[in-house]
Amino acid sequence: MPSPVHHPNDPLHGITLETIVTQLSERHGWAEMGRRIPIRCFLFNPSVKSSLTFLRKTPWARLKVQAWYVAEMPDPAAPGPRPAEPASRP
């Protein structure tokens, strides 16, 4: 799956809520997610499915999760490794 195209006004364009929850749970674990955002779906018998159900119905919680994800996204304007340039032929 190709990475989403960066849109300056919407950093989450093309990123599903499922992707966000899955990546945060893999990166931080459910315990840390429950510590940072104390909601039952993160604290008691957590799963991606139960989290998605709750977050889709609860805008304030969804916004907190999305804000956390955006805060951890790399800055596209930051200097990083550049793709290798093709070798020039003499």
Protein backbone atom coordinates (compact mmCIF):
# COMPACT_ATOMS: atom_id res chain seq x y z
CA MET A 1 0.00 0.00 0.00
CA PRO A 2 1.52 3.33 -1.00
CA SER A 3 2.06 5.91 1.69
CA PRO A 4 -0.52 8.68 1.80
CA VAL A 5 0.19 11.94 0.00
CA HIS A 6 0.93 14.80 2.40
CA HIS A 7 -1.75 17.48 2.50
CA PRO A 8 -0.65 20.62 4.37
CA ASN A 9 -4.14 21.29 5.78
CA ASP A 10 -4.89 17.70 6.81
CA PRO A 11 -1.99 15.61 8.06
CA LEU A 12 -4.34 12.63 8.54
CA HIS A 13 -5.53 12.58 4.94
CA GLY A 14 -5.59 8.97 3.76
CA ILE A 15 -4.82 7.51 7.19
CA THR A 16 -7.59 5.40 8.68
CA LEU A 17 -8.55 5.37 12.33
CA GLU A 18 -7.70 1.66 12.36
CA THR A 19 -4.17 2.43 11.18
CA ILE A 20 -3.79 5.07 13.88
CA VAL A 21 -4.97 2.78 16.70
CA THR A 22 -2.93 -0.16 15.43
CA GLN A 23 0.28 1.84 15.13
CA LEU A 24 -0.10 3.50 18.52
CA SER A 25 -0.85 0.16 20.21
CA GLU A 26 2.16 -1.48 18.56
CA ARG A 27 4.46 1.42 19.37
CA HIS A 28 3.34 2.18 22.94
CA GLY A 29 1.18 -0.73 24.10
CA TRP A 30 -2.31 -0.63 25.54
CA ALA A 31 -1.14 0.22 29.06
CA GLU A 32 0.56 3.42 27.90
CA MET A 33 -2.41 4.33 25.72
CA GLY A 34 -4.70 3.90 28.73
CA ARG A 35 -2.36 5.99 30.87
CA ARG A 36 -2.29 8.85 28.36
CA ILE A 37 -5.97 8.68 27.40
CA PRO A 38 -7.86 6.97 30.23
CA ILE A 39 -10.80 5.39 28.43
CA ARG A 40 -12.20 1.93 29.12
CA CYS A 41 -11.46 0.53 25.67
CA PHE A 42 -7.73 1.11 26.33
CA LEU A 43 -7.76 0.04 29.99
CA PHE A 44 -9.99 -3.05 30.20
CA ASN A 45 -9.67 -5.94 27.73
CA PRO A 46 -8.32 -3.64 24.98
CA SER A 47 -8.55 -4.50 21.32
CA VAL A 48 -8.45 -2.60 18.06
CA LYS A 49 -12.08 -3.55 17.37
CA SER A 50 -13.44 -2.26 20.69
CA SER A 51 -11.34 0.89 20.41
CA LEU A 52 -12.61 1.63 16.91
CA THR A 53 -16.22 1.14 18.01
CA PHE A 54 -15.79 3.57 20.90
CA LEU A 55 -13.69 6.15 19.04
CA ARG A 56 -16.11 6.31 16.11
CA LYS A 57 -18.95 7.16 18.51
CA THR A 58 -16.98 9.54 20.75
CA PRO A 59 -15.55 12.59 18.96
CA TRP A 60 -13.59 13.99 21.94
CA ALA A 61 -11.71 10.71 22.42
CA ARG A 62 -11.09 10.29 18.69
CA LEU A 63 -9.63 13.83 18.54
CA LYS A 64 -7.26 13.05 21.42
CA VAL A 65 -6.02 9.88 19.73
CA GLN A 66 -5.61 11.63 16.39
CA ALA A 67 -3.76 14.56 18.01
CA TRP A 68 -1.38 12.13 19.72
CA TYR A 69 -0.72 10.38 16.41
CA VAL A 70 -0.14 13.68 14.57
CA ALA A 71 2.25 14.86 17.31
CA GLU A 72 4.40 11.78 16.67
CA MET A 73 4.38 12.07 12.89
CA PRO A 74 7.72 13.08 11.39
CA ASP A 75 7.82 16.61 10.03
CA PRO A 76 7.84 16.34 6.22
CA ALA A 77 9.85 19.58 5.99
CA ALA A 78 12.57 18.27 8.29
CA PRO A 79 15.81 17.29 6.63
CA GLY A 80 16.18 13.58 6.33
CA PRO A 81 17.93 10.99 4.24
CA ARG A 82 17.75 11.76 0.57
CA PRO A 83 17.25 9.17 -2.11
CA ALA A 84 20.47 8.01 -3.70
CA GLU A 85 21.36 9.86 -6.87
CA PRO A 86 22.20 7.77 -9.91
CA ALA A 87 25.88 7.44 -10.57
CA SER A 88 27.06 9.66 -13.39
CA ARG A 89 28.83 8.06 -16.28
CA PRO A 90 32.18 9.54 -17.33
